Structures are given as structure tokens and as C-alpha cells.
Amino acid sequence: GSVQNVMEVRARGGDYVFTTPPSLVGLAQAGKAMFDGKGDPAFDEIR
């Protein structure tokens, strides 16, 4: 699922490519909704 794809950013390296809706990246970076309480600096590095 897209949420799990984003969550794995925390443990993956430079060879990791994943798919997800842009809206979920925004939620992860803001620590909102399903990412509430699960924020991580790694989310800010998603490009």
C-alpha cells in the first residue's frame, strides 16, 4: 500500500524508488492523518 511505501523511506537507501499519491507525501511531511505521531526527518527528503 501507498502508506507503507512512504513509511519505508525511513529505513531505505539511495536505491529506493516507490509510488504513492502526492497527497500522502504531503501528509507524511506534515505528520498528519495516518502519519500523526509517526513523523520522521526522512520524509522531508522525499523527492
All heavy atoms as atom14 arrays in JSON, in Angstrom:
{
  "sequence": "GSVQNVMEVRARGGDYVFTTPPSLVGLAQAGKAMFDGKGDPAFDEIR",
  "atom14_mask": [
    [1, 1, 1, 1, 0, 0, 0, 0, 0, 0, 0, 0, 0, 0],
    [1, 1, 1, 1, 1, 1, 0, 0, 0, 0, 0, 0, 0, 0],
    [1, 1, 1, 1, 1, 1, 1, 0, 0, 0, 0, 0, 0, 0],
    [1, 1, 1, 1, 1, 1, 1, 1, 1, 0, 0, 0, 0, 0],
    [1, 1, 1, 1, 1, 1, 1, 1, 0, 0, 0, 0, 0, 0],
    [1, 1, 1, 1, 1, 1, 1, 0, 0, 0, 0, 0, 0, 0],
    [1, 1, 1, 1, 1, 1, 1, 1, 0, 0, 0, 0, 0, 0],
    [1, 1, 1, 1, 1, 1, 1, 1, 1, 0, 0, 0, 0, 0],
    [1, 1, 1, 1, 1, 1, 1, 0, 0, 0, 0, 0, 0, 0],
    [1, 1, 1, 1, 1, 1, 1, 1, 1, 1, 1, 0, 0, 0],
    [1, 1, 1, 1, 1, 0, 0, 0, 0, 0, 0, 0, 0, 0],
    [1, 1, 1, 1, 1, 1, 1, 1, 1, 1, 1, 0, 0, 0],
    [1, 1, 1, 1, 0, 0, 0, 0, 0, 0, 0, 0, 0, 0],
    [1, 1, 1, 1, 0, 0, 0, 0, 0, 0, 0, 0, 0, 0],
    [1, 1, 1, 1, 1, 1, 1, 1, 0, 0, 0, 0, 0, 0],
    [1, 1, 1, 1, 1, 1, 1, 1, 1, 1, 1, 1, 0, 0],
    [1, 1, 1, 1, 1, 1, 1, 0, 0, 0, 0, 0, 0, 0],
    [1, 1, 1, 1, 1, 1, 1, 1, 1, 1, 1, 0, 0, 0],
    [1, 1, 1, 1, 1, 1, 1, 0, 0, 0, 0, 0, 0, 0],
    [1, 1, 1, 1, 1, 1, 1, 0, 0, 0, 0, 0, 0, 0],
    [1, 1, 1, 1, 1, 1, 1, 0, 0, 0, 0, 0, 0, 0],
    [1, 1, 1, 1, 1, 1, 1, 0, 0, 0, 0, 0, 0, 0],
    [1, 1, 1, 1, 1, 1, 0, 0, 0, 0, 0, 0, 0, 0],
    [1, 1, 1, 1, 1, 1, 1, 1, 0, 0, 0, 0, 0, 0],
    [1, 1, 1, 1, 1, 1, 1, 0, 0, 0, 0, 0, 0, 0],
    [1, 1, 1, 1, 0, 0, 0, 0, 0, 0, 0, 0, 0, 0],
    [1, 1, 1, 1, 1, 1, 1, 1, 0, 0, 0, 0, 0, 0],
    [1, 1, 1, 1, 1, 0, 0, 0, 0, 0, 0, 0, 0, 0],
    [1, 1, 1, 1, 1, 1, 1, 1, 1, 0, 0, 0, 0, 0],
    [1, 1, 1, 1, 1, 0, 0, 0, 0, 0, 0, 0, 0, 0],
    [1, 1, 1, 1, 0, 0, 0, 0, 0, 0, 0, 0, 0, 0],
    [1, 1, 1, 1, 1, 1, 1, 1, 1, 0, 0, 0, 0, 0],
    [1, 1, 1, 1, 1, 0, 0, 0, 0, 0, 0, 0, 0, 0],
    [1, 1, 1, 1, 1, 1, 1, 1, 0, 0, 0, 0, 0, 0],
    [1, 1, 1, 1, 1, 1, 1, 1, 1, 1, 1, 0, 0, 0],
    [1, 1, 1, 1, 1, 1, 1, 1, 0, 0, 0, 0, 0, 0],
    [1, 1, 1, 1, 0, 0, 0, 0, 0, 0, 0, 0, 0, 0],
    [1, 1, 1, 1, 1, 1, 1, 1, 1, 0, 0, 0, 0, 0],
    [1, 1, 1, 1, 0, 0, 0, 0, 0, 0, 0, 0, 0, 0],
    [1, 1, 1, 1, 1, 1, 1, 1, 0, 0, 0, 0, 0, 0],
    [1, 1, 1, 1, 1, 1, 1, 0, 0, 0, 0, 0, 0, 0],
    [1, 1, 1, 1, 1, 0, 0, 0, 0, 0, 0, 0, 0, 0],
    [1, 1, 1, 1, 1, 1, 1, 1, 1, 1, 1, 0, 0, 0],
    [1, 1, 1, 1, 1, 1, 1, 1, 0, 0, 0, 0, 0, 0],
    [1, 1, 1, 1, 1, 1, 1, 1, 1, 0, 0, 0, 0, 0],
    [1, 1, 1, 1, 1, 1, 1, 1, 0, 0, 0, 0, 0, 0],
    [1, 1, 1, 1, 1, 1, 1, 1, 1, 1, 1, 0, 0, 0]
  ],
  "atom14_positions": [
    [[0.81, -1.2, 0.0], [0.0, 0.0, 0.0], [0.85, 1.25, 0.0], [2.02, 1.24, 0.38], [0.0, 0.0, 0.0], [0.0, 0.0, 0.0], [0.0, 0.0, 0.0], [0.0, 0.0, 0.0], [0.0, 0.0, 0.0], [0.0, 0.0, 0.0], [0.0, 0.0, 0.0], [0.0, 0.0, 0.0], [0.0, 0.0, 0.0], [0.0, 0.0, 0.0]],
    [[0.24, 2.35, -0.42], [0.98, 3.61, -0.59], [1.53, 4.15, 0.72], [2.62, 4.71, 0.77], [0.06, 4.65, -1.24], [-0.3, 4.25, -2.54], [0.0, 0.0, 0.0], [0.0, 0.0, 0.0], [0.0, 0.0, 0.0], [0.0, 0.0, 0.0], [0.0, 0.0, 0.0], [0.0, 0.0, 0.0], [0.0, 0.0, 0.0], [0.0, 0.0, 0.0]],
    [[0.75, 3.99, 1.81], [1.22, 4.48, 3.11], [2.49, 3.74, 3.53], [3.48, 4.35, 3.97], [0.12, 4.34, 4.19], [0.67, 4.69, 5.57], [-1.07, 5.21, 3.85], [0.0, 0.0, 0.0], [0.0, 0.0, 0.0], [0.0, 0.0, 0.0], [0.0, 0.0, 0.0], [0.0, 0.0, 0.0], [0.0, 0.0, 0.0], [0.0, 0.0, 0.0]],
    [[2.47, 2.42, 3.39], [3.63, 1.62, 3.76], [4.84, 1.96, 2.89], [5.97, 2.01, 3.38], [3.31, 0.13, 3.64], [4.43, -0.81, 4.1], [4.81, -0.6, 5.55], [3.95, -0.31, 6.37], [6.09, -0.75, 5.87], [0.0, 0.0, 0.0], [0.0, 0.0, 0.0], [0.0, 0.0, 0.0], [0.0, 0.0, 0.0], [0.0, 0.0, 0.0]],
    [[4.59, 2.23, 1.6], [5.68, 2.62, 0.71], [6.4, 3.87, 1.23], [7.63, 3.97, 1.2], [5.15, 2.91, -0.7], [4.73, 1.66, -1.44], [4.85, 0.55, -0.93], [4.21, 1.83, -2.65], [0.0, 0.0, 0.0], [0.0, 0.0, 0.0], [0.0, 0.0, 0.0], [0.0, 0.0, 0.0], [0.0, 0.0, 0.0], [0.0, 0.0, 0.0]],
    [[5.6, 4.83, 1.71], [6.18, 6.06, 2.26], [6.92, 5.77, 3.56], [8.04, 6.24, 3.78], [5.07, 7.12, 2.5], [5.66, 8.35, 3.19], [4.42, 7.52, 1.19], [0.0, 0.0, 0.0], [0.0, 0.0, 0.0], [0.0, 0.0, 0.0], [0.0, 0.0, 0.0], [0.0, 0.0, 0.0], [0.0, 0.0, 0.0], [0.0, 0.0, 0.0]],
    [[6.31, 4.97, 4.43], [6.91, 4.67, 5.73], [8.29, 4.03, 5.58], [9.19, 4.28, 6.39], [6.0, 3.74, 6.53], [4.68, 4.37, 6.96], [4.86, 5.75, 8.12], [5.25, 4.85, 9.62], [0.0, 0.0, 0.0], [0.0, 0.0, 0.0], [0.0, 0.0, 0.0], [0.0, 0.0, 0.0], [0.0, 0.0, 0.0], [0.0, 0.0, 0.0]],
    [[8.48, 3.24, 4.53], [9.75, 2.53, 4.35], [10.91, 3.45, 4.0], [12.08, 3.03, 4.06], [9.6, 1.43, 3.3], [8.78, 0.27, 3.81], [8.95, -0.99, 2.99], [9.97, -1.11, 2.28], [8.06, -1.85, 3.05], [0.0, 0.0, 0.0], [0.0, 0.0, 0.0], [0.0, 0.0, 0.0], [0.0, 0.0, 0.0], [0.0, 0.0, 0.0]],
    [[10.61, 4.69, 3.64], [11.66, 5.67, 3.36], [12.62, 5.77, 4.54], [13.83, 5.98, 4.37], [11.02, 7.05, 3.06], [12.05, 8.17, 3.18], [10.4, 7.05, 1.67], [0.0, 0.0, 0.0], [0.0, 0.0, 0.0], [0.0, 0.0, 0.0], [0.0, 0.0, 0.0], [0.0, 0.0, 0.0], [0.0, 0.0, 0.0], [0.0, 0.0, 0.0]],
    [[12.11, 5.59, 5.76], [12.91, 5.75, 6.97], [14.09, 4.77, 7.03], [15.12, 5.07, 7.64], [12.03, 5.56, 8.21], [10.89, 6.57, 8.31], [9.95, 6.25, 9.45], [9.35, 4.93, 9.29], [8.55, 4.35, 10.19], [8.28, 4.97, 11.33], [8.05, 3.15, 9.95], [0.0, 0.0, 0.0], [0.0, 0.0, 0.0], [0.0, 0.0, 0.0]],
    [[13.92, 3.61, 6.41], [14.95, 2.57, 6.53], [15.65, 2.25, 5.21], [16.53, 1.4, 5.16], [14.31, 1.29, 7.08], [0.0, 0.0, 0.0], [0.0, 0.0, 0.0], [0.0, 0.0, 0.0], [0.0, 0.0, 0.0], [0.0, 0.0, 0.0], [0.0, 0.0, 0.0], [0.0, 0.0, 0.0], [0.0, 0.0, 0.0], [0.0, 0.0, 0.0]],
    [[15.27, 2.92, 4.14], [15.82, 2.61, 2.82], [16.94, 3.56, 2.44], [17.08, 4.65, 2.98], [14.71, 2.68, 1.77], [13.59, 1.67, 1.96], [14.02, 0.28, 1.55], [12.89, -0.65, 1.55], [12.72, -1.62, 0.66], [13.63, -1.82, -0.28], [11.67, -2.4, 0.74], [0.0, 0.0, 0.0], [0.0, 0.0, 0.0], [0.0, 0.0, 0.0]],
    [[17.69, 3.14, 1.43], [18.83, 3.93, 0.96], [18.56, 4.66, -0.33], [17.4, 4.86, -0.74], [0.0, 0.0, 0.0], [0.0, 0.0, 0.0], [0.0, 0.0, 0.0], [0.0, 0.0, 0.0], [0.0, 0.0, 0.0], [0.0, 0.0, 0.0], [0.0, 0.0, 0.0], [0.0, 0.0, 0.0], [0.0, 0.0, 0.0], [0.0, 0.0, 0.0]],
    [[19.64, 5.0, -1.03], [19.54, 5.78, -2.25], [19.06, 5.01, -3.45], [18.83, 5.6, -4.52], [0.0, 0.0, 0.0], [0.0, 0.0, 0.0], [0.0, 0.0, 0.0], [0.0, 0.0, 0.0], [0.0, 0.0, 0.0], [0.0, 0.0, 0.0], [0.0, 0.0, 0.0], [0.0, 0.0, 0.0], [0.0, 0.0, 0.0], [0.0, 0.0, 0.0]],
    [[18.86, 3.7, -3.31], [18.41, 2.88, -4.44], [16.91, 2.63, -4.39], [16.37, 1.85, -5.17], [19.13, 1.53, -4.43], [18.85, 0.71, -3.17], [18.36, 1.29, -2.18], [19.12, -0.51, -3.19], [0.0, 0.0, 0.0], [0.0, 0.0, 0.0], [0.0, 0.0, 0.0], [0.0, 0.0, 0.0], [0.0, 0.0, 0.0], [0.0, 0.0, 0.0]],
    [[16.19, 3.32, -3.5], [14.77, 3.06, -3.28], [13.9, 4.01, -4.09], [13.98, 5.23, -3.95], [14.45, 3.21, -1.79], [13.03, 2.92, -1.39], [12.41, 1.71, -1.73], [12.28, 3.84, -0.65], [11.11, 1.43, -1.33], [10.99, 3.57, -0.24], [10.4, 2.37, -0.58], [9.1, 2.09, -0.19], [0.0, 0.0, 0.0], [0.0, 0.0, 0.0]],
    [[13.06, 3.44, -4.97], [12.04, 4.19, -5.71], [10.69, 3.58, -5.33], [10.55, 2.36, -5.27], [12.26, 4.1, -7.24], [11.11, 4.74, -7.99], [13.58, 4.75, -7.63], [0.0, 0.0, 0.0], [0.0, 0.0, 0.0], [0.0, 0.0, 0.0], [0.0, 0.0, 0.0], [0.0, 0.0, 0.0], [0.0, 0.0, 0.0], [0.0, 0.0, 0.0]],
    [[9.73, 4.44, -5.08], [8.42, 3.93, -4.66], [7.32, 4.79, -5.27], [7.56, 5.92, -5.71], [8.3, 3.93, -3.13], [8.34, 5.31, -2.51], [7.17, 5.97, -2.15], [9.55, 5.96, -2.3], [7.21, 7.24, -1.58], [9.6, 7.23, -1.73], [8.43, 7.87, -1.37], [0.0, 0.0, 0.0], [0.0, 0.0, 0.0], [0.0, 0.0, 0.0]],
    [[6.11, 4.26, -5.32], [4.98, 5.01, -5.86], [3.98, 5.31, -4.76], [3.74, 4.5, -3.87], [4.28, 4.23, -6.98], [3.72, 3.02, -6.46], [5.26, 3.89, -8.1], [0.0, 0.0, 0.0], [0.0, 0.0, 0.0], [0.0, 0.0, 0.0], [0.0, 0.0, 0.0], [0.0, 0.0, 0.0], [0.0, 0.0, 0.0], [0.0, 0.0, 0.0]],
    [[3.39, 6.49, -4.86], [2.38, 6.92, -3.89], [1.72, 8.18, -4.44], [2.3, 8.89, -5.26], [3.02, 7.19, -2.51], [2.01, 7.23, -1.49], [3.8, 8.48, -2.49], [0.0, 0.0, 0.0], [0.0, 0.0, 0.0], [0.0, 0.0, 0.0], [0.0, 0.0, 0.0], [0.0, 0.0, 0.0], [0.0, 0.0, 0.0], [0.0, 0.0, 0.0]],
    [[0.5, 8.49, -3.99], [-0.1, 9.78, -4.37], [0.65, 10.95, -3.72], [1.09, 10.83, -2.56], [-1.52, 9.68, -3.8], [-1.79, 8.22, -3.64], [-0.46, 7.63, -3.28], [0.0, 0.0, 0.0], [0.0, 0.0, 0.0], [0.0, 0.0, 0.0], [0.0, 0.0, 0.0], [0.0, 0.0, 0.0], [0.0, 0.0, 0.0], [0.0, 0.0, 0.0]],
    [[0.81, 12.06, -4.41], [1.49, 13.23, -3.83], [0.85, 13.69, -2.52], [1.54, 14.2, -1.63], [1.36, 14.3, -4.91], [1.26, 13.52, -6.19], [0.49, 12.28, -5.84], [0.0, 0.0, 0.0], [0.0, 0.0, 0.0], [0.0, 0.0, 0.0], [0.0, 0.0, 0.0], [0.0, 0.0, 0.0], [0.0, 0.0, 0.0], [0.0, 0.0, 0.0]],
    [[-0.46, 13.51, -2.39], [-1.15, 13.95, -1.17], [-0.62, 13.23, 0.06], [-0.54, 13.81, 1.15], [-2.66, 13.72, -1.3], [-2.95, 12.36, -1.6], [0.0, 0.0, 0.0], [0.0, 0.0, 0.0], [0.0, 0.0, 0.0], [0.0, 0.0, 0.0], [0.0, 0.0, 0.0], [0.0, 0.0, 0.0], [0.0, 0.0, 0.0], [0.0, 0.0, 0.0]],
    [[-0.23, 11.95, -0.1], [0.29, 11.2, 1.04], [1.68, 11.7, 1.46], [2.01, 11.69, 2.64], [0.35, 9.7, 0.72], [-0.96, 8.92, 0.8], [-0.68, 7.43, 0.68], [-1.71, 9.2, 2.09], [0.0, 0.0, 0.0], [0.0, 0.0, 0.0], [0.0, 0.0, 0.0], [0.0, 0.0, 0.0], [0.0, 0.0, 0.0], [0.0, 0.0, 0.0]],
    [[2.47, 12.11, 0.49], [3.79, 12.67, 0.81], [3.61, 13.94, 1.64], [4.3, 14.16, 2.64], [4.6, 12.96, -0.47], [5.9, 13.68, -0.13], [4.91, 11.65, -1.2], [0.0, 0.0, 0.0], [0.0, 0.0, 0.0], [0.0, 0.0, 0.0], [0.0, 0.0, 0.0], [0.0, 0.0, 0.0], [0.0, 0.0, 0.0], [0.0, 0.0, 0.0]],
    [[2.64, 14.77, 1.24], [2.36, 15.98, 1.98], [1.93, 15.69, 3.41], [2.36, 16.37, 4.35], [0.0, 0.0, 0.0], [0.0, 0.0, 0.0], [0.0, 0.0, 0.0], [0.0, 0.0, 0.0], [0.0, 0.0, 0.0], [0.0, 0.0, 0.0], [0.0, 0.0, 0.0], [0.0, 0.0, 0.0], [0.0, 0.0, 0.0], [0.0, 0.0, 0.0]],
    [[1.08, 14.67, 3.59], [0.62, 14.3, 4.93], [1.77, 13.77, 5.78], [1.87, 14.07, 6.98], [-0.49, 13.24, 4.83], [-1.84, 13.73, 4.28], [-2.78, 12.55, 4.07], [-2.48, 14.76, 5.2], [0.0, 0.0, 0.0], [0.0, 0.0, 0.0], [0.0, 0.0, 0.0], [0.0, 0.0, 0.0], [0.0, 0.0, 0.0], [0.0, 0.0, 0.0]],
    [[2.65, 12.98, 5.15], [3.8, 12.43, 5.88], [4.72, 13.55, 6.36], [5.19, 13.56, 7.5], [4.57, 11.45, 5.0], [0.0, 0.0, 0.0], [0.0, 0.0, 0.0], [0.0, 0.0, 0.0], [0.0, 0.0, 0.0], [0.0, 0.0, 0.0], [0.0, 0.0, 0.0], [0.0, 0.0, 0.0], [0.0, 0.0, 0.0], [0.0, 0.0, 0.0]],
    [[4.97, 14.51, 5.49], [5.89, 15.6, 5.83], [5.29, 16.53, 6.88], [6.03, 17.16, 7.64], [6.26, 16.37, 4.56], [7.12, 15.53, 3.62], [7.41, 16.19, 2.29], [6.7, 17.1, 1.86], [8.46, 15.73, 1.6], [0.0, 0.0, 0.0], [0.0, 0.0, 0.0], [0.0, 0.0, 0.0], [0.0, 0.0, 0.0], [0.0, 0.0, 0.0]],
    [[3.95, 16.57, 6.94], [3.28, 17.41, 7.94], [2.93, 16.62, 9.21], [2.48, 17.22, 10.19], [2.01, 18.01, 7.34], [0.0, 0.0, 0.0], [0.0, 0.0, 0.0], [0.0, 0.0, 0.0], [0.0, 0.0, 0.0], [0.0, 0.0, 0.0], [0.0, 0.0, 0.0], [0.0, 0.0, 0.0], [0.0, 0.0, 0.0], [0.0, 0.0, 0.0]],
    [[3.12, 15.29, 9.17], [2.8, 14.46, 10.33], [1.31, 14.42, 10.62], [0.89, 14.39, 11.78], [0.0, 0.0, 0.0], [0.0, 0.0, 0.0], [0.0, 0.0, 0.0], [0.0, 0.0, 0.0], [0.0, 0.0, 0.0], [0.0, 0.0, 0.0], [0.0, 0.0, 0.0], [0.0, 0.0, 0.0], [0.0, 0.0, 0.0], [0.0, 0.0, 0.0]],
    [[0.49, 14.41, 9.57], [-0.96, 14.45, 9.74], [-1.62, 13.13, 9.34], [-0.99, 12.28, 8.71], [-1.55, 15.59, 8.91], [-1.15, 16.98, 9.38], [-1.8, 18.05, 8.52], [-1.46, 19.46, 9.0], [-2.05, 20.5, 8.13], [0.0, 0.0, 0.0], [0.0, 0.0, 0.0], [0.0, 0.0, 0.0], [0.0, 0.0, 0.0], [0.0, 0.0, 0.0]],
    [[-2.9, 12.98, 9.73], [-3.74, 11.83, 9.38], [-3.06, 10.52, 9.77], [-2.68, 10.37, 10.93], [-4.09, 11.88, 7.89], [0.0, 0.0, 0.0], [0.0, 0.0, 0.0], [0.0, 0.0, 0.0], [0.0, 0.0, 0.0], [0.0, 0.0, 0.0], [0.0, 0.0, 0.0], [0.0, 0.0, 0.0], [0.0, 0.0, 0.0], [0.0, 0.0, 0.0]],
    [[-2.86, 9.62, 8.82], [-2.27, 8.31, 9.14], [-0.81, 8.39, 9.56], [-0.23, 7.41, 10.03], [-2.44, 7.35, 7.97], [-1.7, 7.74, 6.7], [-2.46, 9.1, 5.77], [-3.93, 8.3, 5.15], [0.0, 0.0, 0.0], [0.0, 0.0, 0.0], [0.0, 0.0, 0.0], [0.0, 0.0, 0.0], [0.0, 0.0, 0.0], [0.0, 0.0, 0.0]],
    [[-0.2, 9.58, 9.41], [1.2, 9.77, 9.84], [1.29, 10.54, 11.16], [2.39, 10.89, 11.59], [1.98, 10.51, 8.74], [2.05, 9.75, 7.45], [1.19, 10.06, 6.4], [2.96, 8.71, 7.28], [1.24, 9.35, 5.2], [3.01, 8.01, 6.08], [2.15, 8.32, 5.04], [0.0, 0.0, 0.0], [0.0, 0.0, 0.0], [0.0, 0.0, 0.0]],
    [[0.15, 10.79, 11.78], [0.14, 11.5, 13.05], [0.91, 10.71, 14.11], [0.63, 9.53, 14.33], [-1.31, 11.71, 13.51], [-1.41, 12.56, 14.77], [-0.45, 13.29, 15.07], [-2.45, 12.48, 15.45], [0.0, 0.0, 0.0], [0.0, 0.0, 0.0], [0.0, 0.0, 0.0], [0.0, 0.0, 0.0], [0.0, 0.0, 0.0], [0.0, 0.0, 0.0]],
    [[1.89, 11.34, 14.71], [2.7, 10.66, 15.71], [3.77, 9.76, 15.12], [4.51, 9.1, 15.86], [0.0, 0.0, 0.0], [0.0, 0.0, 0.0], [0.0, 0.0, 0.0], [0.0, 0.0, 0.0], [0.0, 0.0, 0.0], [0.0, 0.0, 0.0], [0.0, 0.0, 0.0], [0.0, 0.0, 0.0], [0.0, 0.0, 0.0], [0.0, 0.0, 0.0]],
    [[3.87, 9.71, 13.79], [4.85, 8.84, 13.13], [5.8, 9.65, 12.25], [6.43, 9.11, 11.34], [4.13, 7.79, 12.29], [3.19, 6.9, 13.09], [2.42, 5.96, 12.18], [1.44, 5.11, 12.97], [0.61, 4.25, 12.1], [0.0, 0.0, 0.0], [0.0, 0.0, 0.0], [0.0, 0.0, 0.0], [0.0, 0.0, 0.0], [0.0, 0.0, 0.0]],
    [[5.89, 10.95, 12.52], [6.74, 11.8, 11.7], [8.2, 11.39, 11.78], [8.65, 10.77, 12.75], [0.0, 0.0, 0.0], [0.0, 0.0, 0.0], [0.0, 0.0, 0.0], [0.0, 0.0, 0.0], [0.0, 0.0, 0.0], [0.0, 0.0, 0.0], [0.0, 0.0, 0.0], [0.0, 0.0, 0.0], [0.0, 0.0, 0.0], [0.0, 0.0, 0.0]],
    [[8.93, 11.72, 10.74], [10.34, 11.37, 10.68], [11.04, 12.35, 9.75], [10.5, 12.7, 8.69], [10.5, 9.94, 10.15], [11.9, 9.4, 10.38], [12.83, 9.8, 9.64], [12.08, 8.58, 11.3], [0.0, 0.0, 0.0], [0.0, 0.0, 0.0], [0.0, 0.0, 0.0], [0.0, 0.0, 0.0], [0.0, 0.0, 0.0], [0.0, 0.0, 0.0]],
    [[12.27, 12.81, 10.1], [13.0, 13.72, 9.23], [13.21, 13.16, 7.82], [13.34, 13.93, 6.85], [14.34, 13.9, 9.95], [14.05, 13.59, 11.38], [13.0, 12.54, 11.37], [0.0, 0.0, 0.0], [0.0, 0.0, 0.0], [0.0, 0.0, 0.0], [0.0, 0.0, 0.0], [0.0, 0.0, 0.0], [0.0, 0.0, 0.0], [0.0, 0.0, 0.0]],
    [[13.22, 11.82, 7.69], [13.43, 11.2, 6.37], [12.33, 11.58, 5.38], [12.57, 11.65, 4.17], [13.49, 9.68, 6.51], [0.0, 0.0, 0.0], [0.0, 0.0, 0.0], [0.0, 0.0, 0.0], [0.0, 0.0, 0.0], [0.0, 0.0, 0.0], [0.0, 0.0, 0.0], [0.0, 0.0, 0.0], [0.0, 0.0, 0.0], [0.0, 0.0, 0.0]],
    [[11.13, 11.86, 5.88], [10.02, 12.22, 4.99], [10.29, 13.54, 4.27], [9.82, 13.75, 3.16], [8.7, 12.31, 5.77], [8.25, 11.0, 6.38], [7.5, 10.99, 7.55], [8.56, 9.79, 5.79], [7.07, 9.8, 8.12], [8.14, 8.58, 6.35], [7.4, 8.59, 7.52], [0.0, 0.0, 0.0], [0.0, 0.0, 0.0], [0.0, 0.0, 0.0]],
    [[11.04, 14.42, 4.93], [11.34, 15.71, 4.31], [12.31, 15.57, 3.14], [12.48, 16.53, 2.36], [11.94, 16.67, 5.34], [10.92, 17.06, 6.41], [9.72, 17.09, 6.09], [11.34, 17.33, 7.56], [0.0, 0.0, 0.0], [0.0, 0.0, 0.0], [0.0, 0.0, 0.0], [0.0, 0.0, 0.0], [0.0, 0.0, 0.0], [0.0, 0.0, 0.0]],
    [[12.92, 14.41, 3.02], [13.9, 14.18, 1.94], [13.29, 13.5, 0.72], [13.99, 13.18, -0.24], [15.07, 13.34, 2.47], [15.77, 13.93, 3.7], [16.2, 15.37, 3.49], [16.75, 15.67, 2.41], [15.95, 16.2, 4.38], [0.0, 0.0, 0.0], [0.0, 0.0, 0.0], [0.0, 0.0, 0.0], [0.0, 0.0, 0.0], [0.0, 0.0, 0.0]],
    [[11.99, 13.27, 0.72], [11.31, 12.64, -0.42], [11.28, 13.61, -1.59], [10.93, 14.78, -1.44], [9.88, 12.21, -0.03], [9.92, 11.1, 1.03], [9.11, 11.73, -1.26], [8.54, 10.74, 1.6], [0.0, 0.0, 0.0], [0.0, 0.0, 0.0], [0.0, 0.0, 0.0], [0.0, 0.0, 0.0], [0.0, 0.0, 0.0], [0.0, 0.0, 0.0]],
    [[11.63, 13.11, -2.77], [11.66, 13.92, -3.98], [11.03, 13.16, -5.15], [11.27, 11.97, -5.33], [13.1, 14.3, -4.36], [13.84, 15.12, -3.3], [13.28, 16.52, -3.16], [14.05, 17.34, -2.23], [13.78, 17.45, -0.93], [12.76, 16.76, -0.4], [14.51, 18.23, -0.16], [0.0, 0.0, 0.0], [0.0, 0.0, 0.0], [0.0, 0.0, 0.0]]
  ]
}
